[in-house]
Amino acid sequence: MMEAQKYVWEGAIPLQIHLHESEITSLPPPSPALILAPRIGYLPLLLPLIKPYFSSTLPPGQDTIWFDYKGLPLKW
């Protein structure tokens, strides 16, 4: 039983994070960020991993990040 609990609480899910096409300022567009994130986690805690990955392709001064899934914004 304890082993099952460990797998549930320490599990991770793969995320593929893309920039929206309106935010891309370089050619070719950047490849998506691939992150193995905690299954029970909080998306904003991934920002220190995501921001540096896309920083060279964002418009100057643009550092606001939001997440959506299939066009629908995700709640923070």
Foldseek 3Di string as FASTA:
>chain_A
DVVVVCCLQAPWDKDWAADDPVFFADPPGDGTDIDTGGPPDDVVVCLVVPCVSCVVGGDPPDDDDFDDDPPHTDDD
